[in-house]
PDB file of N, CA and C in Angstrom:
ATOM      1  N   UNK A   1      -1.384  -0.860  22.406  1.00  0.00           N
ATOM      2  CA  UNK A   1      -1.123  -0.509  20.649  1.00  0.00           C
ATOM      3  C   UNK A   1       0.716  -0.324  20.799  1.00  0.00           C
ATOM      4  N   UNK A   2       1.159  -0.864  19.652  1.00  0.00           N
ATOM      5  CA  UNK A   2       2.766  -1.016  19.898  1.00  0.00           C
ATOM      6  C   UNK A   2       3.175   0.134  19.744  1.00  0.00           C
ATOM      7  N   UNK A   3       4.738   0.415  20.490  1.00  0.00           N
ATOM      8  CA  UNK A   3       5.433   1.513  20.392  1.00  0.00           C
ATOM      9  C   UNK A   3       5.864   1.846  19.137  1.00  0.00           C
ATOM     10  N   UNK A   4       5.946   3.086  19.175  1.00  0.00           N
ATOM     11  CA  UNK A   4       6.330   4.069  17.992  1.00  0.00           C
ATOM     12  C   UNK A   4       7.682   3.220  17.145  1.00  0.00           C
ATOM     13  N   UNK A   5       8.864   3.013  18.013  1.00  0.00           N
ATOM     14  CA  UNK A   5       9.756   2.151  17.243  1.00  0.00           C
ATOM     15  C   UNK A   5       9.498   0.835  16.718  1.00  0.00           C
ATOM     16  N   UNK A   6       8.486   0.106  17.313  1.00  0.00           N
ATOM     17  CA  UNK A   6       8.266  -1.188  16.337  1.00  0.00           C
ATOM     18  C   UNK A   6       7.151  -0.551  15.453  1.00  0.00           C
ATOM     19  N   UNK A   7       6.414   0.459  15.643  1.00  0.00           N
ATOM     20  CA  UNK A   7       5.301   0.334  14.706  1.00  0.00           C
ATOM     21  C   UNK A   7       6.617   0.990  13.103  1.00  0.00           C
ATOM     22  N   UNK A   8       7.480   2.069  13.654  1.00  0.00           N
ATOM     23  CA  UNK A   8       8.018   2.434  12.370  1.00  0.00           C
ATOM     24  C   UNK A   8       8.946   1.004  11.784  1.00  0.00           C
ATOM     25  N   UNK A   9       9.439   0.331  12.397  1.00  0.00           N
ATOM     26  CA  UNK A   9      10.061  -0.707  11.892  1.00  0.00           C
ATOM     27  C   UNK A   9       8.999  -1.985  11.065  1.00  0.00           C
ATOM     28  N   UNK A  10       7.795  -2.404  11.525  1.00  0.00           N
ATOM     29  CA  UNK A  10       7.089  -3.149  11.104  1.00  0.00           C
ATOM     30  C   UNK A  10       6.552  -2.088   9.511  1.00  0.00           C
ATOM     31  N   UNK A  11       5.852  -1.237   9.493  1.00  0.00           N
ATOM     32  CA  UNK A  11       5.694  -0.182   8.762  1.00  0.00           C
ATOM     33  C   UNK A  11       6.699  -0.131   7.576  1.00  0.00           C
ATOM     34  N   UNK A  12       8.079   0.225   7.702  1.00  0.00           N
ATOM     35  CA  UNK A  12       9.253   0.366   6.940  1.00  0.00           C
ATOM     36  C   UNK A  12       9.475  -1.381   6.152  1.00  0.00           C
ATOM     37  N   UNK A  13       9.006  -1.988   7.090  1.00  0.00           N
ATOM     38  CA  UNK A  13       9.217  -3.362   6.510  1.00  0.00           C
ATOM     39  C   UNK A  13       7.796  -3.711   5.183  1.00  0.00           C
ATOM     40  N   UNK A  14       6.908  -3.251   6.134  1.00  0.00           N
ATOM     41  CA  UNK A  14       5.675  -3.570   5.091  1.00  0.00           C
ATOM     42  C   UNK A  14       6.068  -2.653   3.550  1.00  0.00           C
ATOM     43  N   UNK A  15       6.258  -1.754   3.357  1.00  0.00           N
ATOM     44  CA  UNK A  15       6.521  -0.673   2.456  1.00  0.00           C
ATOM     45  C   UNK A  15       7.626  -1.179   1.505  1.00  0.00           C
ATOM     46  N   UNK A  16       8.728  -1.552   2.184  1.00  0.00           N
ATOM     47  CA  UNK A  16       9.681  -1.964   1.480  1.00  0.00           C
ATOM     48  C   UNK A  16       9.512  -3.241   0.861  1.00  0.00           C
ATOM     49  N   UNK A  17       8.867  -4.253   1.382  1.00  0.00           N
ATOM     50  CA  UNK A  17       8.299  -5.381   0.505  1.00  0.00           C
ATOM     51  C   UNK A  17       7.433  -5.071  -0.246  1.00  0.00           C
ATOM     52  N   UNK A  18       6.398  -4.250   0.004  1.00  0.00           N
ATOM     53  CA  UNK A  18       5.532  -3.984  -1.438  1.00  0.00           C
ATOM     54  C   UNK A  18       6.008  -2.865  -2.621  1.00  0.00           C
ATOM     55  N   UNK A  19       6.734  -2.414  -2.234  1.00  0.00           N
ATOM     56  CA  UNK A  19       7.795  -1.576  -2.976  1.00  0.00           C
ATOM     57  C   UNK A  19       8.637  -2.869  -3.993  1.00  0.00           C
ATOM     58  N   UNK A  20       9.319  -3.572  -3.676  1.00  0.00           N
ATOM     59  CA  UNK A  20       9.525  -4.676  -4.290  1.00  0.00           C
ATOM     60  C   UNK A  20       8.748  -5.359  -5.232  1.00  0.00           C
ATOM     61  N   UNK A  21       7.633  -5.652  -4.354  1.00  0.00           N
ATOM     62  CA  UNK A  21       6.527  -6.455  -5.593  1.00  0.00           C
ATOM     63  C   UNK A  21       5.876  -5.591  -6.594  1.00  0.00           C
ATOM     64  N   UNK A  22       5.837  -4.125  -6.071  1.00  0.00           N
ATOM     65  CA  UNK A  22       5.403  -2.986  -7.093  1.00  0.00           C
ATOM     66  C   UNK A  22       6.530  -3.026  -8.393  1.00  0.00           C
ATOM     67  N   UNK A  23       7.771  -2.876  -8.372  1.00  0.00           N
ATOM     68  CA  UNK A  23       8.594  -2.864  -9.067  1.00  0.00           C
ATOM     69  C   UNK A  23       8.614  -3.867  -9.822  1.00  0.00           C
ATOM     70  N   UNK A  24       8.625  -5.126  -9.333  1.00  0.00           N
ATOM     71  CA  UNK A  24       8.582  -6.245 -10.181  1.00  0.00           C
ATOM     72  C   UNK A  24       7.256  -6.576 -11.231  1.00  0.00           C
ATOM     73  N   UNK A  25       6.008  -5.400 -10.706  1.00  0.00           N
ATOM     74  CA  UNK A  25       4.973  -5.470 -11.903  1.00  0.00           C
ATOM     75  C   UNK A  25       4.994  -4.177 -12.525  1.00  0.00           C
ATOM     76  N   UNK A  26       5.595  -3.271 -12.326  1.00  0.00           N
ATOM     77  CA  UNK A  26       5.317  -2.251 -12.972  1.00  0.00           C
ATOM     78  C   UNK A  26       5.241  -1.826 -14.414  1.00  0.00           C
ATOM     79  N   UNK A  27       6.289  -2.730 -15.028  1.00  0.00           N
ATOM     80  CA  UNK A  27       6.513  -2.968 -16.554  1.00  0.00           C
ATOM     81  C   UNK A  27       5.463  -3.581 -16.783  1.00  0.00           C
ATOM     82  N   UNK A  28       4.860  -4.557 -16.535  1.00  0.00           N
ATOM     83  CA  UNK A  28       3.850  -5.567 -16.783  1.00  0.00           C
ATOM     84  C   UNK A  28       2.354  -4.810 -17.130  1.00  0.00           C
ATOM     85  N   UNK A  29       2.162  -4.008 -15.795  1.00  0.00           N
ATOM     86  CA  UNK A  29       1.027  -3.134 -16.083  1.00  0.00           C
ATOM     87  C   UNK A  29       0.922  -1.593 -16.355  1.00  0.00           C
ATOM     88  N   UNK A  30       2.119  -1.112 -16.595  1.00  0.00           N
ATOM     89  CA  UNK A  30       2.308   0.194 -16.875  1.00  0.00           C
ATOM     90  C   UNK A  30       2.212   1.278 -16.053  1.00  0.00           C
ATOM     91  N   UNK A  31       2.751   0.972 -14.832  1.00  0.00           N
ATOM     92  CA  UNK A  31       2.738   2.298 -13.905  1.00  0.00           C
ATOM     93  C   UNK A  31       4.368   2.271 -13.478  1.00  0.00           C
ATOM     94  N   UNK A  32       4.112   3.623 -12.879  1.00  0.00           N
ATOM     95  CA  UNK A  32       5.799   3.937 -12.175  1.00  0.00           C
ATOM     96  C   UNK A  32       5.704   3.701 -10.789  1.00  0.00           C
ATOM     97  N   UNK A  33       6.454   3.564 -10.006  1.00  0.00           N
ATOM     98  CA  UNK A  33       6.662   3.451  -8.659  1.00  0.00           C
ATOM     99  C   UNK A  33       7.947   4.295  -8.063  1.00  0.00           C
ATOM    100  N   UNK A  34       7.646   5.284  -7.125  1.00  0.00           N
ATOM    101  CA  UNK A  34       8.425   5.965  -6.201  1.00  0.00           C
ATOM    102  C   UNK A  34       8.499   5.625  -5.040  1.00  0.00           C
ATOM    103  N   UNK A  35       9.479   5.534  -4.135  1.00  0.00           N
ATOM    104  CA  UNK A  35       9.471   5.321  -2.599  1.00  0.00           C
ATOM    105  C   UNK A  35      10.610   6.717  -2.327  1.00  0.00           C
ATOM    106  N   UNK A  36       9.516   7.397  -1.674  1.00  0.00           N
ATOM    107  CA  UNK A  36      10.354   8.631  -0.949  1.00  0.00           C
ATOM    108  C   UNK A  36      10.131   9.099   0.327  1.00  0.00           C
ATOM    109  N   UNK A  37      10.904   9.269   0.991  1.00  0.00           N
ATOM    110  CA  UNK A  37      10.823  10.022   2.491  1.00  0.00           C
ATOM    111  C   UNK A  37       9.920   9.139   3.090  1.00  0.00           C
ATOM    112  N   UNK A  38       9.699   7.733   2.978  1.00  0.00           N
ATOM    113  CA  UNK A  38       9.166   6.813   3.316  1.00  0.00           C
ATOM    114  C   UNK A  38       7.571   6.792   2.987  1.00  0.00           C
ATOM    115  N   UNK A  39       7.312   7.321   1.831  1.00  0.00           N
ATOM    116  CA  UNK A  39       6.003   7.136   1.630  1.00  0.00           C
ATOM    117  C   UNK A  39       6.241   6.664  -0.096  1.00  0.00           C
ATOM    118  N   UNK A  40       5.462   5.568  -0.558  1.00  0.00           N
ATOM    119  CA  UNK A  40       5.200   5.035  -1.716  1.00  0.00           C
ATOM    120  C   UNK A  40       4.215   5.548  -2.266  1.00  0.00           C
ATOM    121  N   UNK A  41       4.590   5.850  -3.970  1.00  0.00           N
ATOM    122  CA  UNK A  41       3.840   6.359  -4.756  1.00  0.00           C
ATOM    123  C   UNK A  41       3.482   5.594  -5.757  1.00  0.00           C
ATOM    124  N   UNK A  42       2.474   5.488  -6.583  1.00  0.00           N
ATOM    125  CA  UNK A  42       2.081   4.568  -7.499  1.00  0.00           C
ATOM    126  C   UNK A  42       1.238   5.739  -8.816  1.00  0.00           C
ATOM    127  N   UNK A  43       1.921   5.871  -9.669  1.00  0.00           N
ATOM    128  CA  UNK A  43       1.476   6.566 -10.591  1.00  0.00           C
ATOM    129  C   UNK A  43       1.042   5.744 -11.823  1.00  0.00           C
ATOM    130  N   UNK A  44       0.018   6.509 -12.564  1.00  0.00           N
ATOM    131  CA  UNK A  44      -0.716   5.700 -13.924  1.00  0.00           C
ATOM    132  C   UNK A  44      -0.958   6.972 -14.833  1.00  0.00           C
ATOM    133  N   UNK A  45      -0.147   6.482 -16.036  1.00  0.00           N
ATOM    134  CA  UNK A  45      -0.549   7.353 -17.314  1.00  0.00           C
ATOM    135  C   UNK A  45      -1.962   7.309 -17.816  1.00  0.00           C
ATOM    136  N   UNK A  46      -2.330   6.131 -18.155  1.00  0.00           N
ATOM    137  CA  UNK A  46      -3.488   5.608 -18.572  1.00  0.00           C
ATOM    138  C   UNK A  46      -4.654   4.691 -17.888  1.00  0.00           C
ATOM    139  N   UNK A  47      -5.648   5.322 -17.327  1.00  0.00           N
ATOM    140  CA  UNK A  47      -6.043   6.536 -17.207  1.00  0.00           C
ATOM    141  C   UNK A  47      -4.981   7.104 -15.981  1.00  0.00           C
ATOM    142  N   UNK A  48      -4.803   8.625 -16.098  1.00  0.00           N
ATOM    143  CA  UNK A  48      -3.899   8.989 -15.237  1.00  0.00           C
ATOM    144  C   UNK A  48      -4.650   8.839 -13.718  1.00  0.00           C
ATOM    145  N   UNK A  49      -3.638   9.031 -12.896  1.00  0.00           N
ATOM    146  CA  UNK A  49      -3.743   8.841 -11.294  1.00  0.00           C
ATOM    147  C   UNK A  49      -2.876   8.516 -10.657  1.00  0.00           C
ATOM    148  N   UNK A  50      -2.762   8.902  -9.470  1.00  0.00           N
ATOM    149  CA  UNK A  50      -1.969   8.889  -8.216  1.00  0.00           C
ATOM    150  C   UNK A  50      -2.038   8.136  -6.887  1.00  0.00           C
ATOM    151  N   UNK A  51      -1.588   6.990  -6.395  1.00  0.00           N
ATOM    152  CA  UNK A  51      -1.914   6.515  -5.321  1.00  0.00           C
ATOM    153  C   UNK A  51      -0.998   6.346  -4.726  1.00  0.00           C
ATOM    154  N   UNK A  52      -0.951   7.138  -3.283  1.00  0.00           N
ATOM    155  CA  UNK A  52      -0.140   7.315  -2.302  1.00  0.00           C
ATOM    156  C   UNK A  52      -0.233   6.149  -1.133  1.00  0.00           C
ATOM    157  N   UNK A  53       0.725   5.568  -0.584  1.00  0.00           N
ATOM    158  CA  UNK A  53       1.062   4.800   0.331  1.00  0.00           C
ATOM    159  C   UNK A  53       1.858   5.345   1.616  1.00  0.00           C
ATOM    160  N   UNK A  54       1.648   5.579   3.123  1.00  0.00           N
ATOM    161  CA  UNK A  54       2.226   6.142   3.757  1.00  0.00           C
ATOM    162  C   UNK A  54       1.917   5.673   5.181  1.00  0.00           C
ATOM    163  N   UNK A  55       2.923   5.644   6.311  1.00  0.00           N
ATOM    164  CA  UNK A  55       2.830   5.441   7.521  1.00  0.00           C
ATOM    165  C   UNK A  55       2.438   6.786   8.079  1.00  0.00           C
ATOM    166  N   UNK A  56       1.228   6.586   9.077  1.00  0.00           N
ATOM    167  CA  UNK A  56       0.805   7.727   9.935  1.00  0.00           C
ATOM    168  C   UNK A  56       1.508   7.406  11.345  1.00  0.00           C
ATOM    169  N   UNK A  57       2.543   7.773  11.977  1.00  0.00           N
ATOM    170  CA  UNK A  57       3.352   7.103  12.953  1.00  0.00           C
ATOM    171  C   UNK A  57       2.298   7.453  14.386  1.00  0.00           C
ATOM    172  N   UNK A  58       1.546   8.668  14.412  1.00  0.00           N
ATOM    173  CA  UNK A  58       0.860   8.973  15.743  1.00  0.00           C
ATOM    174  C   UNK A  58      -0.387   8.205  15.750  1.00  0.00           C
ATOM    175  N   UNK A  59      -0.830   7.316  14.949  1.00  0.00           N
ATOM    176  CA  UNK A  59      -1.658   6.555  14.886  1.00  0.00           C
ATOM    177  C   UNK A  59      -1.883   4.908  14.915  1.00  0.00           C
ATOM    178  N   UNK A  60      -0.229   4.858  14.355  1.00  0.00           N
ATOM    179  CA  UNK A  60       0.417   3.412  14.321  1.00  0.00           C
ATOM    180  C   UNK A  60      -0.581   3.046  13.315  1.00  0.00           C
ATOM    181  N   UNK A  61      -0.990   3.731  12.046  1.00  0.00           N
ATOM    182  CA  UNK A  61      -1.480   2.985  10.585  1.00  0.00           C
ATOM    183  C   UNK A  61      -1.033   3.539   9.618  1.00  0.00           C
ATOM    184  N   UNK A  62      -1.137   2.573   8.479  1.00  0.00           N
ATOM    185  CA  UNK A  62      -0.519   2.954   7.116  1.00  0.00           C
ATOM    186  C   UNK A  62      -1.947   3.418   6.419  1.00  0.00           C
ATOM    187  N   UNK A  63      -1.694   4.672   5.809  1.00  0.00           N
ATOM    188  CA  UNK A  63      -2.821   5.065   5.224  1.00  0.00           C
ATOM    189  C   UNK A  63      -2.580   5.010   3.493  1.00  0.00           C
ATOM    190  N   UNK A  64      -3.626   4.770   2.821  1.00  0.00           N
ATOM    191  CA  UNK A  64      -3.422   4.586   1.525  1.00  0.00           C
ATOM    192  C   UNK A  64      -4.626   5.572   0.826  1.00  0.00           C
ATOM    193  N   UNK A  65      -4.075   6.080  -0.105  1.00  0.00           N
ATOM    194  CA  UNK A  65      -5.151   6.954  -0.547  1.00  0.00           C
ATOM    195  C   UNK A  65      -5.202   6.607  -2.463  1.00  0.00           C
ATOM    196  N   UNK A  66      -6.294   6.056  -2.715  1.00  0.00           N
ATOM    197  CA  UNK A  66      -6.562   5.398  -4.010  1.00  0.00           C
ATOM    198  C   UNK A  66      -7.927   5.443  -4.320  1.00  0.00           C
ATOM    199  N   UNK A  67      -8.091   6.082  -5.731  1.00  0.00           N
ATOM    200  CA  UNK A  67      -9.516   5.843  -6.255  1.00  0.00           C
ATOM    201  C   UNK A  67     -10.666   6.818  -5.470  1.00  0.00           C
ATOM    202  N   UNK A  68      -9.471   8.284  -5.153  1.00  0.00           N
ATOM    203  CA  UNK A  68     -10.479   8.964  -4.537  1.00  0.00           C
ATOM    204  C   UNK A  68     -11.143   8.360  -2.989  1.00  0.00           C
ATOM    205  N   UNK A  69     -10.487   7.490  -2.533  1.00  0.00           N
ATOM    206  CA  UNK A  69     -10.687   6.998  -1.250  1.00  0.00           C
ATOM    207  C   UNK A  69      -9.838   7.108  -0.346  1.00  0.00           C
ATOM    208  N   UNK A  70      -9.794   6.867   0.879  1.00  0.00           N
ATOM    209  CA  UNK A  70      -8.752   6.788   1.928  1.00  0.00           C
ATOM    210  C   UNK A  70      -9.011   5.455   2.654  1.00  0.00           C
ATOM    211  N   UNK A  71      -8.022   4.866   2.850  1.00  0.00           N
ATOM    212  CA  UNK A  71      -8.027   3.251   3.494  1.00  0.00           C
ATOM    213  C   UNK A  71      -6.965   3.844   4.807  1.00  0.00           C
ATOM    214  N   UNK A  72      -7.222   3.340   5.731  1.00  0.00           N
ATOM    215  CA  UNK A  72      -6.325   3.235   6.910  1.00  0.00           C
ATOM    216  C   UNK A  72      -6.259   1.593   7.543  1.00  0.00           C
ATOM    217  N   UNK A  73      -4.972   1.231   7.727  1.00  0.00           N
ATOM    218  CA  UNK A  73      -4.801   0.102   7.957  1.00  0.00           C
ATOM    219  C   UNK A  73      -4.210  -0.012   9.127  1.00  0.00           C
ATOM    220  N   UNK A  74      -4.419  -0.893  10.438  1.00  0.00           N
ATOM    221  CA  UNK A  74      -3.792  -1.552  11.207  1.00  0.00           C
ATOM    222  C   UNK A  74      -3.182  -2.551  11.631  1.00  0.00           C
ATOM    223  N   UNK A  75      -2.101  -2.507  12.226  1.00  0.00           N
ATOM    224  CA  UNK A  75      -1.404  -3.913  12.382  1.00  0.00           C
ATOM    225  C   UNK A  75      -2.538  -4.938  13.022  1.00  0.00           C
ATOM    226  N   UNK A  76      -2.103  -6.342  12.252  1.00  0.00           N
ATOM    227  CA  UNK A  76      -3.087  -7.286  12.768  1.00  0.00           C
ATOM    228  C   UNK A  76      -1.924  -8.142  13.426  1.00  0.00           C
ATOM    229  N   UNK A  77      -1.817  -8.867  14.344  1.00  0.00           N
ATOM    230  CA  UNK A  77      -1.331  -9.879  15.015  1.00  0.00           C
ATOM    231  C   UNK A  77      -1.246 -11.038  14.342  1.00  0.00           C
ATOM    232  N   UNK A  78      -2.451 -11.725  14.270  1.00  0.00           N
ATOM    233  CA  UNK A  78      -3.082 -12.625  13.671  1.00  0.00           C
ATOM    234  C   UNK A  78      -2.277 -12.755  12.245  1.00  0.00           C
ATOM    235  N   UNK A  79      -2.905 -11.982  11.282  1.00  0.00           N
ATOM    236  CA  UNK A  79      -1.961 -11.976   9.858  1.00  0.00           C
ATOM    237  C   UNK A  79      -0.613 -11.440   9.675  1.00  0.00           C
ATOM    238  N   UNK A  80       0.211 -10.849  10.914  1.00  0.00           N
ATOM    239  CA  UNK A  80       1.389 -10.601  10.693  1.00  0.00           C
ATOM    240  C   UNK A  80       1.542  -9.365   9.639  1.00  0.00           C
ATOM    241  N   UNK A  81       0.606  -8.614   9.595  1.00  0.00           N
ATOM    242  CA  UNK A  81       0.425  -7.680   8.210  1.00  0.00           C
ATOM    243  C   UNK A  81      -0.515  -6.583   8.735  1.00  0.00           C
ATOM    244  N   UNK A  82      -0.285  -5.358   8.079  1.00  0.00           N
ATOM    245  CA  UNK A  82      -1.180  -4.437   8.294  1.00  0.00           C
ATOM    246  C   UNK A  82      -2.513  -4.650   7.364  1.00  0.00           C
ATOM    247  N   UNK A  83      -3.867  -4.899   8.177  1.00  0.00           N
ATOM    248  CA  UNK A  83      -5.070  -5.443   7.778  1.00  0.00           C
ATOM    249  C   UNK A  83      -5.856  -4.114   7.551  1.00  0.00           C
ATOM    250  N   UNK A  84      -6.622  -3.756   6.575  1.00  0.00           N
ATOM    251  CA  UNK A  84      -7.844  -2.853   6.302  1.00  0.00           C
ATOM    252  C   UNK A  84      -8.916  -3.405   7.179  1.00  0.00           C
ATOM    253  N   UNK A  85      -9.653  -3.054   8.252  1.00  0.00           N
ATOM    254  CA  UNK A  85     -10.625  -3.302   8.986  1.00  0.00           C
ATOM    255  C   UNK A  85     -11.873  -3.523   8.362  1.00  0.00           C
ATOM    256  N   UNK A  86     -12.153  -2.647   7.331  1.00  0.00           N
ATOM    257  CA  UNK A  86     -13.253  -2.954   6.472  1.00  0.00           C
ATOM    258  C   UNK A  86     -13.736  -3.798   5.795  1.00  0.00           C
ATOM    259  N   UNK A  87     -12.233  -4.338   4.938  1.00  0.00           N
ATOM    260  CA  UNK A  87     -12.401  -4.979   3.943  1.00  0.00           C
ATOM    261  C   UNK A  87     -11.933  -6.471   4.360  1.00  0.00           C
ATOM    262  N   UNK A  88     -10.854  -6.553   5.278  1.00  0.00           N
ATOM    263  CA  UNK A  88     -10.096  -7.647   5.866  1.00  0.00           C
ATOM    264  C   UNK A  88      -8.824  -7.744   5.006  1.00  0.00           C
ATOM    265  N   UNK A  89      -8.631  -6.784   4.155  1.00  0.00           N
ATOM    266  CA  UNK A  89      -7.293  -7.407   3.239  1.00  0.00           C
ATOM    267  C   UNK A  89      -6.293  -6.791   3.733  1.00  0.00           C
ATOM    268  N   UNK A  90      -5.211  -7.440   3.378  1.00  0.00           N
ATOM    269  CA  UNK A  90      -3.930  -7.011   3.677  1.00  0.00           C
ATOM    270  C   UNK A  90      -3.271  -6.205   3.162  1.00  0.00           C
ATOM    271  N   UNK A  91      -2.406  -5.453   3.797  1.00  0.00           N
ATOM    272  CA  UNK A  91      -1.841  -3.820   2.804  1.00  0.00           C
ATOM    273  C   UNK A  91      -1.579  -4.535   1.293  1.00  0.00           C
ATOM    274  N   UNK A  92      -1.142  -5.669   0.882  1.00  0.00           N
ATOM    275  CA  UNK A  92      -0.820  -6.409  -0.302  1.00  0.00           C
ATOM    276  C   UNK A  92      -2.125  -6.327  -1.211  1.00  0.00           C
ATOM    277  N   UNK A  93      -2.975  -7.217  -0.555  1.00  0.00           N
ATOM    278  CA  UNK A  93      -4.384  -7.326  -1.522  1.00  0.00           C
ATOM    279  C   UNK A  93      -5.348  -6.190  -1.611  1.00  0.00           C
ATOM    280  N   UNK A  94      -5.076  -5.090  -0.701  1.00  0.00           N
ATOM    281  CA  UNK A  94      -5.747  -4.059  -0.980  1.00  0.00           C
ATOM    282  C   UNK A  94      -5.147  -3.379  -2.131  1.00  0.00           C
ATOM    283  N   UNK A  95      -3.804  -3.127  -2.080  1.00  0.00           N
ATOM    284  CA  UNK A  95      -3.029  -2.807  -3.411  1.00  0.00           C
ATOM    285  C   UNK A  95      -3.458  -3.577  -4.565  1.00  0.00           C
ATOM    286  N   UNK A  96      -3.372  -4.658  -4.884  1.00  0.00           N
ATOM    287  CA  UNK A  96      -3.789  -5.057  -5.962  1.00  0.00           C
ATOM    288  C   UNK A  96      -5.191  -5.113  -6.190  1.00  0.00           C
ATOM    289  N   UNK A  97      -5.885  -5.113  -5.226  1.00  0.00           N
ATOM    290  CA  UNK A  97      -7.122  -4.556  -5.757  1.00  0.00           C
ATOM    291  C   UNK A  97      -8.137  -3.297  -6.070  1.00  0.00           C
ATOM    292  N   UNK A  98      -6.865  -2.557  -5.629  1.00  0.00           N
ATOM    293  CA  UNK A  98      -7.501  -1.094  -6.008  1.00  0.00           C
ATOM    294  C   UNK A  98      -6.254  -0.528  -7.431  1.00  0.00           C
ATOM    295  N   UNK A  99      -5.423  -1.271  -7.672  1.00  0.00           N
ATOM    296  CA  UNK A  99      -4.831  -1.113  -8.888  1.00  0.00           C
ATOM    297  C   UNK A  99      -5.825  -2.050 -10.117  1.00  0.00           C
ATOM    298  N   UNK A 100      -6.218  -2.979  -9.855  1.00  0.00           N
ATOM    299  CA  UNK A 100      -7.294  -4.153 -10.380  1.00  0.00           C
ATOM    300  C   UNK A 100      -8.271  -3.344 -11.127  1.00  0.00           C
ATOM    301  N   UNK A 101      -8.642  -2.734  -9.684  1.00  0.00           N
ATOM    302  CA  UNK A 101     -10.134  -1.846 -10.166  1.00  0.00           C
ATOM    303  C   UNK A 101      -9.550  -0.677 -11.241  1.00  0.00           C
ATOM    304  N   UNK A 102      -8.431   0.100 -10.892  1.00  0.00           N
ATOM    305  CA  UNK A 102      -8.384   1.202 -11.576  1.00  0.00           C
ATOM    306  C   UNK A 102      -7.739   1.032 -13.230  1.00  0.00           C
ATOM    307  N   UNK A 103      -6.934  -0.297 -13.327  1.00  0.00           N
ATOM    308  CA  UNK A 103      -6.677  -0.587 -14.633  1.00  0.00           C
ATOM    309  C   UNK A 103      -7.679  -1.594 -15.442  1.00  0.00           C
ATOM    310  N   UNK A 104      -8.771  -1.898 -14.487  1.00  0.00           N
ATOM    311  CA  UNK A 104      -9.716  -2.583 -15.078  1.00  0.00           C
ATOM    312  C   UNK A 104      -9.454  -3.866 -15.960  1.00  0.00           C
ATOM    313  N   UNK A 105      -8.309  -4.821 -15.236  1.00  0.00           N
ATOM    314  CA  UNK A 105      -7.831  -6.104 -15.386  1.00  0.00           C
ATOM    315  C   UNK A 105      -7.143  -6.350 -14.182  1.00  0.00           C
ATOM    316  N   UNK A 106      -7.174  -7.751 -14.157  1.00  0.00           N
ATOM    317  CA  UNK A 106      -6.758  -8.223 -12.579  1.00  0.00           C
ATOM    318  C   UNK A 106      -5.014  -8.221 -12.457  1.00  0.00           C
ATOM    319  N   UNK A 107      -4.461  -7.728 -11.364  1.00  0.00           N
ATOM    320  CA  UNK A 107      -3.339  -7.705 -11.349  1.00  0.00           C
ATOM    321  C   UNK A 107      -2.756  -8.413 -10.073  1.00  0.00           C
ATOM    322  N   UNK A 108      -1.856  -9.211 -10.121  1.00  0.00           N
ATOM    323  CA  UNK A 108      -1.352  -9.815  -9.067  1.00  0.00           C
ATOM    324  C   UNK A 108       0.306  -9.576  -8.993  1.00  0.00           C
ATOM    325  N   UNK A 109       0.389  -8.980  -7.614  1.00  0.00           N
ATOM    326  CA  UNK A 109       1.975  -8.709  -7.230  1.00  0.00           C
ATOM    327  C   UNK A 109       2.403  -9.809  -6.687  1.00  0.00           C
TER     328      UNK A 109
END
């Protein structure tokens, strides 16, 4: 397992990169993005919903709450990214998939 400092660095880089991608897509797809206290929030007006992406330092995972589900992503050395073990999706792929499902249209970040 990676140490706390390494996890925080990787998680911050992953969330900052995702935040930039979401900001670029927010107007096109009609959602708001908030990056506050290390957690990312994606808020939708129609249909109303909020997704939350946050680091969980003690277990060295990024947790995503979306579509009434919880997704836990671990660091994958091969992918050089946080990956959801059940689906194999990277963080960005998972977020694209859940936003697409919520909006019922293909979303690309």
